[in-house]
C-alpha atoms as a PDB file:
ATOM      1  CA  MET A   1     124.959 137.266  35.466  1.00  0.00           C
ATOM      2  CA  LYS A   2     122.637 139.152  32.643  1.00  0.00           C
ATOM      3  CA  ASN A   3     119.893 136.161  33.069  1.00  0.00           C
ATOM      4  CA  ALA A   4     119.958 136.293  36.919  1.00  0.00           C
ATOM      5  CA  ILE A   5     119.051 139.914  36.691  1.00  0.00           C
ATOM      6  CA  ARG A   6     116.776 139.597  34.288  1.00  0.00           C
ATOM      7  CA  ILE A   7     114.990 137.006  36.401  1.00  0.00           C
ATOM      8  CA  LEU A   8     115.501 138.655  39.843  1.00  0.00           C
ATOM      9  CA  GLY A   9     113.928 141.703  38.632  1.00  0.00           C
ATOM     10  CA  PRO A  10     110.386 140.694  38.084  1.00  0.00           C
ATOM     11  CA  CYS A  11     110.381 138.922  41.218  1.00  0.00           C
ATOM     12  CA  LEU A  12     111.035 141.199  43.204  1.00  0.00           C
ATOM     13  CA  LEU A  13     108.255 143.474  41.268  1.00  0.00           C
ATOM     14  CA  LEU A  14     105.970 140.684  41.955  1.00  0.00           C
ATOM     15  CA  ALA A  15     107.344 140.510  45.547  1.00  0.00           C
ATOM     16  CA  GLY A  16     106.297 144.141  45.987  1.00  0.00           C
ATOM     17  CA  GLY A  17     102.979 144.094  44.470  1.00  0.00           C
ATOM     18  CA  HIS A  18     102.176 141.700  47.603  1.00  0.00           C
ATOM     19  CA  ALA A  19     102.773 143.531  50.171  1.00  0.00           C
ATOM     20  CA  GLY A  20      99.514 144.627  51.932  1.00  0.00           C
ATOM     21  CA  ALA A  21      98.474 141.158  51.230  1.00  0.00           C
ATOM     22  CA  GLN A  22      97.776 138.957  54.067  1.00  0.00           C
ATOM     23  CA  GLN A  23     101.283 136.640  54.880  1.00  0.00           C
ATOM     24  CA  PRO A  24     101.538 132.958  55.328  1.00  0.00           C
ATOM     25  CA  PHE A  25     102.504 132.739  59.101  1.00  0.00           C
ATOM     26  CA  ALA A  26     100.715 136.105  59.911  1.00  0.00           C
ATOM     27  CA  CYS A  27      97.916 137.067  62.548  1.00  0.00           C
ATOM     28  CA  PRO A  28      94.596 138.672  60.684  1.00  0.00           C
ATOM     29  CA  GLN A  29      94.867 141.935  59.506  1.00  0.00           C
ATOM     30  CA  LEU A  30      93.461 143.969  62.635  1.00  0.00           C
ATOM     31  CA  PRO A  31      91.261 147.294  61.560  1.00  0.00           C
ATOM     32  CA  PRO A  32      93.369 150.488  61.970  1.00  0.00           C
ATOM     33  CA  ALA A  33      90.829 152.113  64.104  1.00  0.00           C
ATOM     34  CA  ALA A  34      90.750 149.533  66.631  1.00  0.00           C
ATOM     35  CA  GLY A  35      94.170 150.604  68.198  1.00  0.00           C
ATOM     36  CA  LEU A  36      95.476 147.173  68.511  1.00  0.00           C
ATOM     37  CA  GLN A  37      99.100 145.818  67.674  1.00  0.00           C
ATOM     38  CA  TRP A  38      99.692 142.137  67.602  1.00  0.00           C
ATOM     39  CA  GLN A  39     102.761 140.128  68.922  1.00  0.00           C
ATOM     40  CA  GLN A  40     102.813 136.905  67.558  1.00  0.00           C
ATOM     41  CA  GLN A  41     104.019 133.612  67.951  1.00  0.00           C
ATOM     42  CA  ALA A  42     103.754 130.680  65.561  1.00  0.00           C
ATOM     43  CA  GLY A  43     105.045 126.832  65.470  1.00  0.00           C
ATOM     44  CA  ASP A  44     104.358 124.566  63.163  1.00  0.00           C
ATOM     45  CA  ASP A  45     100.700 123.205  64.055  1.00  0.00           C
ATOM     46  CA  TYR A  46      99.609 126.792  65.413  1.00  0.00           C
ATOM     47  CA  LEU A  47      99.816 130.524  65.395  1.00  0.00           C
ATOM     48  CA  SER A  48      99.153 132.737  68.643  1.00  0.00           C
ATOM     49  CA  CYS A  49      98.166 136.482  68.376  1.00  0.00           C
ATOM     50  CA  LYS A  50      98.181 138.732  70.952  1.00  0.00           C
ATOM     51  CA  ALA A  51      96.596 142.308  70.604  1.00  0.00           C
ATOM     52  CA  PHE A  52      97.693 144.740  72.882  1.00  0.00           C
ATOM     53  CA  THR A  53      96.645 148.267  73.478  1.00  0.00           C
ATOM     54  CA  ALA A  54      98.753 151.543  72.934  1.00  0.00           C
ATOM     55  CA  GLU A  55      99.141 151.464  77.110  1.00  0.00           C
ATOM     56  CA  GLY A  56     100.503 147.857  76.655  1.00  0.00           C
ATOM     57  CA  ARG A  57      97.498 145.841  78.189  1.00  0.00           C
ATOM     58  CA  GLN A  58      96.439 142.655  76.267  1.00  0.00           C
ATOM     59  CA  ALA A  59      93.050 142.697  75.281  1.00  0.00           C
ATOM     60  CA  LEU A  60      92.464 140.463  72.823  1.00  0.00           C
ATOM     61  CA  GLY A  61      94.201 136.799  71.863  1.00  0.00           C
ATOM     62  CA  ILE A  62      93.698 134.244  69.170  1.00  0.00           C
ATOM     63  CA  MET A  63      95.421 130.893  68.909  1.00  0.00           C
ATOM     64  CA  LEU A  64      95.093 128.875  65.574  1.00  0.00           C
ATOM     65  CA  THR A  65      95.893 125.355  65.963  1.00  0.00           C
ATOM     66  CA  ARG A  66      95.828 121.916  63.963  1.00  0.00           C
ATOM     67  CA  ARG A  67      94.864 120.587  67.653  1.00  0.00           C
ATOM     68  CA  ASP A  68      91.577 120.177  69.237  1.00  0.00           C
ATOM     69  CA  PRO A  69      91.897 122.264  72.759  1.00  0.00           C
ATOM     70  CA  ARG A  70      89.270 120.406  73.725  1.00  0.00           C
ATOM     71  CA  LEU A  71      88.238 123.200  76.062  1.00  0.00           C
ATOM     72  CA  SER A  72      85.707 122.373  78.575  1.00  0.00           C
ATOM     73  CA  LEU A  73      83.140 125.404  78.693  1.00  0.00           C
ATOM     74  CA  VAL A  74      80.397 125.067  81.111  1.00  0.00           C
ATOM     75  CA  ARG A  75      76.816 125.709  79.347  1.00  0.00           C
ATOM     76  CA  SER A  76      75.653 127.793  82.396  1.00  0.00           C
ATOM     77  CA  HIS A  77      78.769 130.348  81.439  1.00  0.00           C
ATOM     78  CA  ARG A  78      77.293 130.812  77.933  1.00  0.00           C
ATOM     79  CA  ALA A  79      76.767 134.669  77.418  1.00  0.00           C
ATOM     80  CA  GLU A  80      76.519 136.313  73.837  1.00  0.00           C
ATOM     81  CA  ARG A  81      76.239 134.259  70.539  1.00  0.00           C
ATOM     82  CA  GLY A  82      79.110 135.069  68.004  1.00  0.00           C
ATOM     83  CA  SER A  83      79.689 134.016  64.417  1.00  0.00           C
ATOM     84  CA  ILE A  84      82.925 134.339  62.366  1.00  0.00           C
ATOM     85  CA  GLU A  85      82.450 133.672  58.541  1.00  0.00           C
ATOM     86  CA  ASP A  86      79.938 131.097  58.365  1.00  0.00           C
ATOM     87  CA  GLU A  87      80.468 129.551  61.915  1.00  0.00           C
ATOM     88  CA  LYS A  88      78.194 130.339  64.309  1.00  0.00           C
ATOM     89  CA  PHE A  89      79.555 129.944  68.237  1.00  0.00           C
ATOM     90  CA  HIS A  90      78.891 131.340  71.863  1.00  0.00           C
ATOM     91  CA  TRP A  91      80.880 133.237  73.770  1.00  0.00           C
ATOM     92  CA  TYR A  92      81.746 131.862  77.477  1.00  0.00           C
ATOM     93  CA  VAL A  93      82.490 133.811  80.854  1.00  0.00           C
ATOM     94  CA  PRO A  94      85.598 132.222  81.779  1.00  0.00           C
ATOM     95  CA  ASP A  95      85.501 130.469  84.759  1.00  0.00           C
ATOM     96  CA  LEU A  96      89.002 131.747  86.763  1.00  0.00           C
ATOM     97  CA  ALA A  97      89.243 130.566  90.183  1.00  0.00           C
ATOM     98  CA  GLY A  98      89.943 133.155  92.680  1.00  0.00           C
ATOM     99  CA  LEU A  99      88.634 136.549  90.902  1.00  0.00           C
ATOM    100  CA  ASP A 100      85.626 138.654  92.135  1.00  0.00           C
ATOM    101  CA  PRO A 101      82.576 138.024  89.767  1.00  0.00           C
ATOM    102  CA  SER A 102      82.858 141.840  88.638  1.00  0.00           C
ATOM    103  CA  GLN A 103      86.300 141.470  87.263  1.00  0.00           C
ATOM    104  CA  LEU A 104      84.881 138.687  85.184  1.00  0.00           C
ATOM    105  CA  ALA A 105      82.426 140.888  83.456  1.00  0.00           C
ATOM    106  CA  THR A 106      84.138 142.081  80.532  1.00  0.00           C
ATOM    107  CA  ARG A 107      86.315 138.609  80.095  1.00  0.00           C
ATOM    108  CA  ARG A 108      85.189 136.672  77.382  1.00  0.00           C
ATOM    109  CA  VAL A 109      86.396 133.011  76.122  1.00  0.00           C
ATOM    110  CA  ALA A 110      85.669 130.904  72.857  1.00  0.00           C
ATOM    111  CA  ALA A 111      86.144 128.176  71.058  1.00  0.00           C
ATOM    112  CA  ILE A 112      85.526 126.995  67.741  1.00  0.00           C
ATOM    113  CA  ASP A 113      85.967 124.039  65.410  1.00  0.00           C
ATOM    114  CA  PHE A 114      85.778 125.539  61.514  1.00  0.00           C
ATOM    115  CA  GLY A 115      86.407 121.946  60.030  1.00  0.00           C
ATOM    116  CA  LYS A 116      88.965 120.396  58.339  1.00  0.00           C
ATOM    117  CA  GLY A 117      91.552 120.160  61.613  1.00  0.00           C
ATOM    118  CA  ARG A 118      91.357 124.093  61.980  1.00  0.00           C
ATOM    119  CA  TYR A 119      90.438 125.260  65.382  1.00  0.00           C
ATOM    120  CA  ALA A 120      90.297 128.686  67.208  1.00  0.00           C
ATOM    121  CA  GLN A 121      90.713 129.696  70.530  1.00  0.00           C
ATOM    122  CA  ILE A 122      89.554 133.379  71.360  1.00  0.00           C
ATOM    123  CA  TRP A 123      90.064 135.074  74.654  1.00  0.00           C
ATOM    124  CA  VAL A 124      88.956 138.600  75.324  1.00  0.00           C
ATOM    125  CA  ASP A 125      90.218 140.964  78.519  1.00  0.00           C
ATOM    126  CA  ALA A 126      88.307 144.157  77.901  1.00  0.00           C
ATOM    127  CA  ALA A 127      88.286 147.108  80.275  1.00  0.00           C
ATOM    128  CA  SER A 128      84.695 148.043  79.972  1.00  0.00           C
ATOM    129  CA  THR A 129      81.981 146.831  78.678  1.00  0.00           C
ATOM    130  CA  GLU A 130      82.071 149.230  75.497  1.00  0.00           C
ATOM    131  CA  GLU A 131      85.497 147.888  75.123  1.00  0.00           C
ATOM    132  CA  LEU A 132      84.179 143.850  75.037  1.00  0.00           C
ATOM    133  CA  GLN A 133      81.342 144.503  72.916  1.00  0.00           C
ATOM    134  CA  ALA A 134      84.094 146.488  70.134  1.00  0.00           C
ATOM    135  CA  ILE A 135      86.265 143.330  70.768  1.00  0.00           C
ATOM    136  CA  GLN A 136      83.954 141.012  69.919  1.00  0.00           C
ATOM    137  CA  GLY A 137      82.586 142.905  66.695  1.00  0.00           C
ATOM    138  CA  ILE A 138      86.451 143.272  65.719  1.00  0.00           C
ATOM    139  CA  VAL A 139      86.484 139.551  65.856  1.00  0.00           C
ATOM    140  CA  GLN A 140      83.489 138.714  63.853  1.00  0.00           C
ATOM    141  CA  ARG A 141      85.144 140.791  61.049  1.00  0.00           C
ATOM    142  CA  LEU A 142      88.664 138.987  61.189  1.00  0.00           C
ATOM    143  CA  ASP A 143      89.532 136.293  58.339  1.00  0.00           C
ATOM    144  CA  LEU A 144      90.851 133.767  59.759  1.00  0.00           C
ATOM    145  CA  GLN A 145      90.454 131.199  57.298  1.00  0.00           C
ATOM    146  CA  ALA A 146      92.720 133.375  55.047  1.00  0.00           C
ATOM    147  CA  VAL A 147      95.441 132.758  57.935  1.00  0.00           C
ATOM    148  CA  GLN A 148      97.634 129.757  56.974  1.00  0.00           C
ATOM    149  CA  LEU A 149      99.683 127.474  59.818  1.00  0.00           C
ATOM    150  CA  ALA A 150     103.036 126.311  58.758  1.00  0.00           C
ATOM    151  CA  SER A 151     102.206 122.740  58.912  1.00  0.00           C
ATOM    152  CA  GLU A 152      99.816 123.693  55.786  1.00  0.00           C
ATOM    153  CA  LYS A 153     102.245 124.349  53.454  1.00  0.00           C
END
């Protein structure tokens, strides 16, 4: 019993020392000033992260997966350029049938191939152009490479 306590004690201290570190299978850390909170859902080969405002509106979503999303993004819908880590990509205005074009002005979608069988789909549903730019800036600073999927154990 004493041996078990001697081994368990240091293990608990080590576990506590890493409490602030990125946890496997967890959404990337959002900056505190963002005012967003993640809700996540995970499977063996995907992690879905949805960021909600304090009012409960979804403003950002990210799906990290091992499967190619094969999104058909139309070149004529290209909007801004973006980058995450060393990966450059384009934001696209989504093609959502039935919505007035003015409703699409603050929505964006992107698909990124990080290589080695890792993909990200990102979508933004901002309330204003200022919020759109702020969220795009947040996305550019996320550490998506540090996020581990269950199938990568």
